[in-house]
């Protein structure tokens, strides 16, 4: 079964992290037919050098989409998606690491159930070194629970998803929603009848650090999240109690100190590794 990999890169990425990310997709047990890398605006020389190293080794595997200016993750992914030549597309972030059997297991799910539009996985989150896994983000596995979960939070770990290109485009693709383009897209897909599942295994190592908490705590992030759920409520995707829950939660998150945010996140949103 053929699939494309879709990665977006912008100038503030870490070159070594990007190298590990791309390599983890090159090393999949079921090899990708194509890796599409979107350069979201001008990159640093170091990032360009990493991409060029892979092109020298196997230029036929890579498709490079170059954008003149930085447009943000969602719009950059739309450009990359249009360039993908396969129906199945595996998302990947430029600083995470996929386990080698991730895409093989996802493709098997698509083979077993041709009605599926999205297949995600759990993630293990690490600090500094990949073997220093501290928490896991557990999401629902069954379609009905995924649909219910999407009323308040993203029911997928975005960097883990493999989806059908035609279904994403048919639902309008990614919208220009800062930091919340994933939940916005997935809720639209689910509410327009797309069938989804999550594999009950952590098949991606997610790089976490202090900056992740700071970004979640920013006023821009909190307002964006509330606006997304407000729009879901207007469309009938979410209920008023979902909107109130998210609004109160985001205000608390914005006001809370970092140490309390970590405690709440690890207690209620993550599963701690022993």
C-alpha atoms as a PDB file:
ATOM      1  CA  UNK A   1       0.000   0.000   0.000  1.00  0.00           C
ATOM      2  CA  UNK A   2       1.426   3.382  -1.037  1.00  0.00           C
ATOM      3  CA  UNK A   3       1.336   6.493   1.110  1.00  0.00           C
ATOM      4  CA  UNK A   4       2.866   9.973   1.232  1.00  0.00           C
ATOM      5  CA  UNK A   5       4.402  11.674   4.268  1.00  0.00           C
ATOM      6  CA  UNK A   6       3.589  15.358   4.872  1.00  0.00           C
ATOM      7  CA  UNK A   7       5.939  17.603   6.896  1.00  0.00           C
ATOM      8  CA  UNK A   8       5.938  21.396   7.231  1.00  0.00           C
ATOM      9  CA  UNK A   9       9.097  23.263   8.273  1.00  0.00           C
ATOM     10  CA  UNK A  10       9.658  26.913   9.168  1.00  0.00           C
ATOM     11  CA  UNK A  11      12.700  28.968  10.093  1.00  0.00           C
ATOM     12  CA  UNK A  12      12.587  28.483  13.880  1.00  0.00           C
ATOM     13  CA  UNK A  13      12.852  24.685  13.747  1.00  0.00           C
ATOM     14  CA  UNK A  14      15.855  22.874  15.193  1.00  0.00           C
ATOM     15  CA  UNK A  15      17.949  21.267  12.390  1.00  0.00           C
ATOM     16  CA  UNK A  16      18.918  18.197  14.442  1.00  0.00           C
ATOM     17  CA  UNK A  17      15.319  17.586  15.439  1.00  0.00           C
ATOM     18  CA  UNK A  18      14.274  17.877  11.787  1.00  0.00           C
ATOM     19  CA  UNK A  19      16.912  15.335  10.787  1.00  0.00           C
ATOM     20  CA  UNK A  20      15.665  12.810  13.360  1.00  0.00           C
ATOM     21  CA  UNK A  21      12.066  13.391  12.296  1.00  0.00           C
ATOM     22  CA  UNK A  22      12.682  12.822   8.589  1.00  0.00           C
ATOM     23  CA  UNK A  23      14.951   9.846   9.273  1.00  0.00           C
ATOM     24  CA  UNK A  24      12.241   8.182  11.358  1.00  0.00           C
ATOM     25  CA  UNK A  25       9.927   8.289   8.331  1.00  0.00           C
ATOM     26  CA  UNK A  26      12.618   7.089   5.930  1.00  0.00           C
ATOM     27  CA  UNK A  27      13.211   4.118   8.255  1.00  0.00           C
ATOM     28  CA  UNK A  28       9.593   2.926   8.397  1.00  0.00           C
ATOM     29  CA  UNK A  29       9.113  -0.833   8.038  1.00  0.00           C
ATOM     30  CA  UNK A  30       6.581  -0.034   5.304  1.00  0.00           C
ATOM     31  CA  UNK A  31       8.525   2.516   3.282  1.00  0.00           C
ATOM     32  CA  UNK A  32       6.800   5.725   2.163  1.00  0.00           C
ATOM     33  CA  UNK A  33       6.293   6.210  -1.554  1.00  0.00           C
ATOM     34  CA  UNK A  34       6.935   9.930  -1.144  1.00  0.00           C
ATOM     35  CA  UNK A  35       7.921  12.473   1.503  1.00  0.00           C
ATOM     36  CA  UNK A  36       6.532  15.959   0.897  1.00  0.00           C
ATOM     37  CA  UNK A  37       8.347  18.733   2.762  1.00  0.00           C
ATOM     38  CA  UNK A  38       6.784  22.182   2.779  1.00  0.00           C
ATOM     39  CA  UNK A  39       9.223  25.040   3.350  1.00  0.00           C
ATOM     40  CA  UNK A  40       6.912  27.511   5.081  1.00  0.00           C
ATOM     41  CA  UNK A  41       8.813  30.663   4.156  1.00  0.00           C
ATOM     42  CA  UNK A  42      12.562  31.189   3.971  1.00  0.00           C
ATOM     43  CA  UNK A  43      14.531  28.693   6.085  1.00  0.00           C
ATOM     44  CA  UNK A  44      17.904  28.993   7.767  1.00  0.00           C
ATOM     45  CA  UNK A  45      20.945  27.624   5.952  1.00  0.00           C
ATOM     46  CA  UNK A  46      21.190  24.883   8.583  1.00  0.00           C
ATOM     47  CA  UNK A  47      17.647  23.652   7.906  1.00  0.00           C
ATOM     48  CA  UNK A  48      18.175  23.813   4.146  1.00  0.00           C
ATOM     49  CA  UNK A  49      21.367  21.801   4.546  1.00  0.00           C
ATOM     50  CA  UNK A  50      19.518  19.026   6.402  1.00  0.00           C
ATOM     51  CA  UNK A  51      16.892  18.809   3.640  1.00  0.00           C
ATOM     52  CA  UNK A  52      19.594  18.850   0.955  1.00  0.00           C
ATOM     53  CA  UNK A  53      21.424  15.978   2.688  1.00  0.00           C
ATOM     54  CA  UNK A  54      18.348  13.787   2.273  1.00  0.00           C
ATOM     55  CA  UNK A  55      17.883  14.930  -1.319  1.00  0.00           C
ATOM     56  CA  UNK A  56      21.445  13.891  -2.140  1.00  0.00           C
ATOM     57  CA  UNK A  57      20.802  10.401  -0.792  1.00  0.00           C
ATOM     58  CA  UNK A  58      17.431   9.823  -2.491  1.00  0.00           C
ATOM     59  CA  UNK A  59      16.030  12.776  -4.408  1.00  0.00           C
ATOM     60  CA  UNK A  60      13.265  10.645  -5.969  1.00  0.00           C
ATOM     61  CA  UNK A  61      11.701  10.064  -2.564  1.00  0.00           C
ATOM     62  CA  UNK A  62      11.227  13.753  -1.791  1.00  0.00           C
ATOM     63  CA  UNK A  63       8.919  16.454  -3.099  1.00  0.00           C
ATOM     64  CA  UNK A  64       9.811  19.944  -1.916  1.00  0.00           C
ATOM     65  CA  UNK A  65       7.140  22.659  -1.828  1.00  0.00           C
ATOM     66  CA  UNK A  66       8.620  26.138  -1.333  1.00  0.00           C
ATOM     67  CA  UNK A  67       6.454  29.002  -0.076  1.00  0.00           C
ATOM     68  CA  UNK A  68       7.744  32.555  -0.495  1.00  0.00           C
ATOM     69  CA  UNK A  69       6.509  33.655   2.920  1.00  0.00           C
ATOM     70  CA  UNK A  70       5.495  32.026   6.187  1.00  0.00           C
ATOM     71  CA  UNK A  71       1.750  31.325   6.073  1.00  0.00           C
ATOM     72  CA  UNK A  72       1.334  29.195   9.214  1.00  0.00           C
ATOM     73  CA  UNK A  73       0.963  25.473   9.733  1.00  0.00           C
ATOM     74  CA  UNK A  74      -2.580  24.932   8.469  1.00  0.00           C
ATOM     75  CA  UNK A  75      -2.203  26.793   5.170  1.00  0.00           C
ATOM     76  CA  UNK A  76       1.263  25.297   4.604  1.00  0.00           C
ATOM     77  CA  UNK A  77      -0.158  21.798   5.072  1.00  0.00           C
ATOM     78  CA  UNK A  78      -2.864  22.543   2.489  1.00  0.00           C
ATOM     79  CA  UNK A  79      -0.153  23.349  -0.063  1.00  0.00           C
ATOM     80  CA  UNK A  80       1.706  20.165   0.796  1.00  0.00           C
ATOM     81  CA  UNK A  81      -1.454  18.081   0.697  1.00  0.00           C
ATOM     82  CA  UNK A  82      -2.197  19.282  -2.829  1.00  0.00           C
ATOM     83  CA  UNK A  83       1.296  18.136  -3.844  1.00  0.00           C
ATOM     84  CA  UNK A  84       0.903  14.626  -2.384  1.00  0.00           C
ATOM     85  CA  UNK A  85       0.445  12.032  -5.116  1.00  0.00           C
ATOM     86  CA  UNK A  86      -1.111   9.331  -2.909  1.00  0.00           C
ATOM     87  CA  UNK A  87      -4.546   9.062  -1.351  1.00  0.00           C
ATOM     88  CA  UNK A  88      -3.127   8.029   2.020  1.00  0.00           C
ATOM     89  CA  UNK A  89      -1.084  10.757   3.715  1.00  0.00           C
ATOM     90  CA  UNK A  90       0.847  10.374   6.980  1.00  0.00           C
ATOM     91  CA  UNK A  91       1.294  13.610   8.926  1.00  0.00           C
ATOM     92  CA  UNK A  92       4.553  14.182  10.704  1.00  0.00           C
ATOM     93  CA  UNK A  93       5.925  17.100  12.722  1.00  0.00           C
ATOM     94  CA  UNK A  94       9.442  18.374  12.219  1.00  0.00           C
ATOM     95  CA  UNK A  95      10.605  17.718  15.786  1.00  0.00           C
ATOM     96  CA  UNK A  96       8.985  14.397  16.697  1.00  0.00           C
ATOM     97  CA  UNK A  97      10.079  10.796  16.101  1.00  0.00           C
ATOM     98  CA  UNK A  98       7.855   8.075  14.640  1.00  0.00           C
ATOM     99  CA  UNK A  99       8.368   4.479  15.704  1.00  0.00           C
ATOM    100  CA  UNK A 100       9.462   2.344  12.783  1.00  0.00           C
ATOM    101  CA  UNK A 101       6.227   0.321  12.508  1.00  0.00           C
ATOM    102  CA  UNK A 102       3.847   3.271  12.832  1.00  0.00           C
ATOM    103  CA  UNK A 103       2.830   3.598   9.181  1.00  0.00           C
ATOM    104  CA  UNK A 104       2.706  -0.150   8.568  1.00  0.00           C
ATOM    105  CA  UNK A 105       0.170  -0.571  11.372  1.00  0.00           C
ATOM    106  CA  UNK A 106      -1.885   2.374  10.154  1.00  0.00           C
ATOM    107  CA  UNK A 107      -1.974   1.096   6.575  1.00  0.00           C
ATOM    108  CA  UNK A 108      -3.159  -2.289   7.848  1.00  0.00           C
ATOM    109  CA  UNK A 109      -6.136  -0.574   9.496  1.00  0.00           C
ATOM    110  CA  UNK A 110      -7.050   1.107   6.215  1.00  0.00           C
ATOM    111  CA  UNK A 111      -6.800  -2.258   4.469  1.00  0.00           C
ATOM    112  CA  UNK A 112      -9.082  -3.891   7.051  1.00  0.00           C
ATOM    113  CA  UNK A 113     -11.705  -1.134   6.926  1.00  0.00           C
ATOM    114  CA  UNK A 114     -11.920   0.837   3.693  1.00  0.00           C
ATOM    115  CA  UNK A 115     -14.510   3.185   5.238  1.00  0.00           C
ATOM    116  CA  UNK A 116     -11.872   4.729   7.485  1.00  0.00           C
ATOM    117  CA  UNK A 117     -10.819   8.305   6.755  1.00  0.00           C
ATOM    118  CA  UNK A 118      -8.478   8.960   9.710  1.00  0.00           C
ATOM    119  CA  UNK A 119      -6.251   6.648  11.747  1.00  0.00           C
ATOM    120  CA  UNK A 120      -4.239   8.101  14.613  1.00  0.00           C
ATOM    121  CA  UNK A 121      -2.206   6.661  17.487  1.00  0.00           C
ATOM    122  CA  UNK A 122      -1.257   7.419  21.078  1.00  0.00           C
ATOM    123  CA  UNK A 123       1.944   9.348  21.824  1.00  0.00           C
ATOM    124  CA  UNK A 124       4.715   9.054  24.379  1.00  0.00           C
ATOM    125  CA  UNK A 125       6.046  12.462  25.404  1.00  0.00           C
ATOM    126  CA  UNK A 126       9.698  12.972  26.247  1.00  0.00           C
ATOM    127  CA  UNK A 127      11.990  15.710  27.517  1.00  0.00           C
ATOM    128  CA  UNK A 128      15.427  16.236  25.989  1.00  0.00           C
ATOM    129  CA  UNK A 129      16.204  12.587  25.146  1.00  0.00           C
ATOM    130  CA  UNK A 130      13.807  10.133  23.399  1.00  0.00           C
ATOM    131  CA  UNK A 131      14.395   7.510  26.089  1.00  0.00           C
ATOM    132  CA  UNK A 132      13.247   9.966  28.772  1.00  0.00           C
ATOM    133  CA  UNK A 133       9.512   9.371  28.340  1.00  0.00           C
ATOM    134  CA  UNK A 134       7.565  11.129  31.074  1.00  0.00           C
ATOM    135  CA  UNK A 135       3.907  11.099  29.998  1.00  0.00           C
ATOM    136  CA  UNK A 136       1.579   9.696  27.351  1.00  0.00           C
ATOM    137  CA  UNK A 137      -1.357  11.385  25.632  1.00  0.00           C
ATOM    138  CA  UNK A 138      -4.156   8.860  25.495  1.00  0.00           C
ATOM    139  CA  UNK A 139      -7.038   9.512  23.103  1.00  0.00           C
ATOM    140  CA  UNK A 140     -10.200   7.445  22.475  1.00  0.00           C
ATOM    141  CA  UNK A 141      -9.928   4.516  20.069  1.00  0.00           C
ATOM    142  CA  UNK A 142     -13.524   3.942  18.892  1.00  0.00           C
ATOM    143  CA  UNK A 143     -15.339   6.205  16.439  1.00  0.00           C
ATOM    144  CA  UNK A 144     -18.277   7.025  18.723  1.00  0.00           C
ATOM    145  CA  UNK A 145     -15.972   8.054  21.565  1.00  0.00           C
ATOM    146  CA  UNK A 146     -13.764  10.024  19.177  1.00  0.00           C
ATOM    147  CA  UNK A 147     -16.807  11.983  17.989  1.00  0.00           C
ATOM    148  CA  UNK A 148     -17.870  12.722  21.571  1.00  0.00           C
ATOM    149  CA  UNK A 149     -14.328  13.701  22.599  1.00  0.00           C
ATOM    150  CA  UNK A 150     -14.081  16.164  19.687  1.00  0.00           C
ATOM    151  CA  UNK A 151     -16.751  18.402  21.241  1.00  0.00           C
ATOM    152  CA  UNK A 152     -14.107  19.767  23.634  1.00  0.00           C
ATOM    153  CA  UNK A 153     -10.662  18.596  22.596  1.00  0.00           C
ATOM    154  CA  UNK A 154      -8.799  17.190  19.638  1.00  0.00           C
ATOM    155  CA  UNK A 155      -9.478  13.435  19.559  1.00  0.00           C
ATOM    156  CA  UNK A 156      -6.212  12.802  17.716  1.00  0.00           C
ATOM    157  CA  UNK A 157      -2.551  13.439  18.285  1.00  0.00           C
ATOM    158  CA  UNK A 158      -2.054  15.505  15.137  1.00  0.00           C
ATOM    159  CA  UNK A 159       1.499  14.370  14.240  1.00  0.00           C
ATOM    160  CA  UNK A 160       0.363  10.721  14.338  1.00  0.00           C
ATOM    161  CA  UNK A 161      -2.576  10.811  11.945  1.00  0.00           C
ATOM    162  CA  UNK A 162      -2.752   9.108   8.584  1.00  0.00           C
ATOM    163  CA  UNK A 163      -5.734  10.269   6.549  1.00  0.00           C
ATOM    164  CA  UNK A 164      -7.276  10.154   3.109  1.00  0.00           C
ATOM    165  CA  UNK A 165      -6.297  13.162   1.029  1.00  0.00           C
ATOM    166  CA  UNK A 166      -9.644  13.332  -0.779  1.00  0.00           C
ATOM    167  CA  UNK A 167     -11.590  13.374   2.501  1.00  0.00           C
ATOM    168  CA  UNK A 168      -9.486  16.189   3.977  1.00  0.00           C
ATOM    169  CA  UNK A 169      -9.817  18.306   0.841  1.00  0.00           C
ATOM    170  CA  UNK A 170     -13.515  17.437   0.524  1.00  0.00           C
ATOM    171  CA  UNK A 171     -14.133  18.848   4.017  1.00  0.00           C
ATOM    172  CA  UNK A 172     -12.390  22.109   3.177  1.00  0.00           C
ATOM    173  CA  UNK A 173      -8.834  21.298   4.250  1.00  0.00           C
ATOM    174  CA  UNK A 174      -7.097  23.116   7.060  1.00  0.00           C
ATOM    175  CA  UNK A 175      -8.465  26.532   7.972  1.00  0.00           C
ATOM    176  CA  UNK A 176      -6.275  29.429   9.090  1.00  0.00           C
ATOM    177  CA  UNK A 177      -6.908  28.850  12.805  1.00  0.00           C
ATOM    178  CA  UNK A 178      -3.815  29.630  14.852  1.00  0.00           C
ATOM    179  CA  UNK A 179      -2.616  26.657  16.920  1.00  0.00           C
ATOM    180  CA  UNK A 180      -5.985  24.896  16.621  1.00  0.00           C
ATOM    181  CA  UNK A 181      -6.071  23.987  12.937  1.00  0.00           C
ATOM    182  CA  UNK A 182      -6.080  20.291  13.829  1.00  0.00           C
ATOM    183  CA  UNK A 183      -9.176  20.137  16.033  1.00  0.00           C
ATOM    184  CA  UNK A 184     -10.973  22.488  13.627  1.00  0.00           C
ATOM    185  CA  UNK A 185     -10.303  20.145  10.694  1.00  0.00           C
ATOM    186  CA  UNK A 186     -11.011  16.899  12.536  1.00  0.00           C
ATOM    187  CA  UNK A 187     -14.301  18.094  14.029  1.00  0.00           C
ATOM    188  CA  UNK A 188     -15.496  19.156  10.573  1.00  0.00           C
ATOM    189  CA  UNK A 189     -14.498  15.791   9.109  1.00  0.00           C
ATOM    190  CA  UNK A 190     -16.156  13.800  11.890  1.00  0.00           C
ATOM    191  CA  UNK A 191     -19.361  15.829  11.743  1.00  0.00           C
ATOM    192  CA  UNK A 192     -19.527  15.407   7.979  1.00  0.00           C
ATOM    193  CA  UNK A 193     -19.538  11.626   8.323  1.00  0.00           C
ATOM    194  CA  UNK A 194     -15.877  10.644   8.163  1.00  0.00           C
ATOM    195  CA  UNK A 195     -15.070   7.428  10.064  1.00  0.00           C
ATOM    196  CA  UNK A 196     -12.048   7.399  12.366  1.00  0.00           C
ATOM    197  CA  UNK A 197     -10.103   5.343  14.881  1.00  0.00           C
ATOM    198  CA  UNK A 198      -6.975   5.528  17.010  1.00  0.00           C
ATOM    199  CA  UNK A 199      -4.601   2.586  17.391  1.00  0.00           C
ATOM    200  CA  UNK A 200      -4.198   1.782  21.085  1.00  0.00           C
ATOM    201  CA  UNK A 201      -0.411   2.026  20.970  1.00  0.00           C
ATOM    202  CA  UNK A 202       2.056   4.893  21.324  1.00  0.00           C
ATOM    203  CA  UNK A 203       3.648   4.943  17.869  1.00  0.00           C
ATOM    204  CA  UNK A 204       5.207   8.411  18.040  1.00  0.00           C
ATOM    205  CA  UNK A 205       7.614  10.082  20.447  1.00  0.00           C
ATOM    206  CA  UNK A 206       6.433  13.646  21.017  1.00  0.00           C
ATOM    207  CA  UNK A 207       9.064  16.211  21.976  1.00  0.00           C
ATOM    208  CA  UNK A 208       7.869  18.239  24.959  1.00  0.00           C
ATOM    209  CA  UNK A 209       9.542  21.085  26.819  1.00  0.00           C
ATOM    210  CA  UNK A 210       8.915  24.232  28.838  1.00  0.00           C
ATOM    211  CA  UNK A 211       7.969  26.178  25.703  1.00  0.00           C
ATOM    212  CA  UNK A 212       4.997  23.875  25.075  1.00  0.00           C
ATOM    213  CA  UNK A 213       3.463  24.913  28.389  1.00  0.00           C
ATOM    214  CA  UNK A 214       4.169  28.589  27.687  1.00  0.00           C
ATOM    215  CA  UNK A 215       2.451  28.355  24.286  1.00  0.00           C
ATOM    216  CA  UNK A 216      -0.598  26.647  25.801  1.00  0.00           C
ATOM    217  CA  UNK A 217      -0.750  29.376  28.436  1.00  0.00           C
ATOM    218  CA  UNK A 218      -0.587  32.295  25.976  1.00  0.00           C
ATOM    219  CA  UNK A 219      -3.649  34.523  25.640  1.00  0.00           C
ATOM    220  CA  UNK A 220      -3.590  34.021  21.850  1.00  0.00           C
ATOM    221  CA  UNK A 221      -3.793  30.254  22.287  1.00  0.00           C
ATOM    222  CA  UNK A 222      -6.586  30.448  24.873  1.00  0.00           C
ATOM    223  CA  UNK A 223      -8.718  32.824  22.777  1.00  0.00           C
ATOM    224  CA  UNK A 224      -8.188  30.734  19.640  1.00  0.00           C
ATOM    225  CA  UNK A 225      -9.303  27.577  21.462  1.00  0.00           C
ATOM    226  CA  UNK A 226     -12.437  29.273  22.844  1.00  0.00           C
ATOM    227  CA  UNK A 227     -13.301  30.661  19.400  1.00  0.00           C
ATOM    228  CA  UNK A 228     -12.997  27.220  17.808  1.00  0.00           C
ATOM    229  CA  UNK A 229     -15.365  25.621  20.324  1.00  0.00           C
ATOM    230  CA  UNK A 230     -17.709  28.621  20.049  1.00  0.00           C
ATOM    231  CA  UNK A 231     -17.922  28.021  16.294  1.00  0.00           C
ATOM    232  CA  UNK A 232     -18.524  24.308  16.956  1.00  0.00           C
ATOM    233  CA  UNK A 233     -21.413  25.281  19.246  1.00  0.00           C
ATOM    234  CA  UNK A 234     -22.922  27.532  16.561  1.00  0.00           C
ATOM    235  CA  UNK A 235     -22.706  24.675  14.043  1.00  0.00           C
ATOM    236  CA  UNK A 236     -24.168  22.163  16.496  1.00  0.00           C
ATOM    237  CA  UNK A 237     -20.960  20.136  16.887  1.00  0.00           C
ATOM    238  CA  UNK A 238     -20.650  21.050  20.575  1.00  0.00           C
ATOM    239  CA  UNK A 239     -23.158  21.749  23.348  1.00  0.00           C
ATOM    240  CA  UNK A 240     -23.351  24.808  25.597  1.00  0.00           C
ATOM    241  CA  UNK A 241     -21.821  22.865  28.499  1.00  0.00           C
ATOM    242  CA  UNK A 242     -18.853  21.980  26.251  1.00  0.00           C
ATOM    243  CA  UNK A 243     -18.365  25.672  25.426  1.00  0.00           C
ATOM    244  CA  UNK A 244     -18.581  26.680  29.092  1.00  0.00           C
ATOM    245  CA  UNK A 245     -16.172  23.902  30.125  1.00  0.00           C
ATOM    246  CA  UNK A 246     -13.568  24.968  27.555  1.00  0.00           C
ATOM    247  CA  UNK A 247     -14.005  28.706  28.265  1.00  0.00           C
ATOM    248  CA  UNK A 248     -13.549  28.286  32.020  1.00  0.00           C
ATOM    249  CA  UNK A 249     -10.692  25.852  31.505  1.00  0.00           C
ATOM    250  CA  UNK A 250      -8.818  28.188  29.184  1.00  0.00           C
ATOM    251  CA  UNK A 251      -9.215  31.182  31.507  1.00  0.00           C
ATOM    252  CA  UNK A 252      -7.858  29.080  34.392  1.00  0.00           C
ATOM    253  CA  UNK A 253      -4.998  27.915  32.172  1.00  0.00           C
ATOM    254  CA  UNK A 254      -4.108  31.493  31.239  1.00  0.00           C
ATOM    255  CA  UNK A 255      -4.161  32.688  34.863  1.00  0.00           C
ATOM    256  CA  UNK A 256      -2.474  29.657  36.434  1.00  0.00           C
ATOM    257  CA  UNK A 257       1.293  29.639  37.121  1.00  0.00           C
ATOM    258  CA  UNK A 258       3.384  27.222  35.064  1.00  0.00           C
ATOM    259  CA  UNK A 259       3.832  24.765  37.955  1.00  0.00           C
ATOM    260  CA  UNK A 260       0.069  24.471  38.407  1.00  0.00           C
ATOM    261  CA  UNK A 261      -0.448  24.112  34.663  1.00  0.00           C
ATOM    262  CA  UNK A 262       1.999  21.196  34.629  1.00  0.00           C
ATOM    263  CA  UNK A 263       0.221  19.574  37.564  1.00  0.00           C
ATOM    264  CA  UNK A 264      -3.214  19.914  35.924  1.00  0.00           C
ATOM    265  CA  UNK A 265      -1.929  18.689  32.568  1.00  0.00           C
ATOM    266  CA  UNK A 266      -0.199  15.633  34.001  1.00  0.00           C
ATOM    267  CA  UNK A 267      -3.113  14.823  36.312  1.00  0.00           C
ATOM    268  CA  UNK A 268      -6.050  15.198  33.919  1.00  0.00           C
ATOM    269  CA  UNK A 269      -4.803  15.426  30.330  1.00  0.00           C
ATOM    270  CA  UNK A 270      -1.899  13.001  30.349  1.00  0.00           C
ATOM    271  CA  UNK A 271      -1.028   9.567  31.703  1.00  0.00           C
ATOM    272  CA  UNK A 272       2.167   9.617  33.707  1.00  0.00           C
ATOM    273  CA  UNK A 273       4.811   7.004  32.924  1.00  0.00           C
ATOM    274  CA  UNK A 274       6.045   4.921  35.833  1.00  0.00           C
END
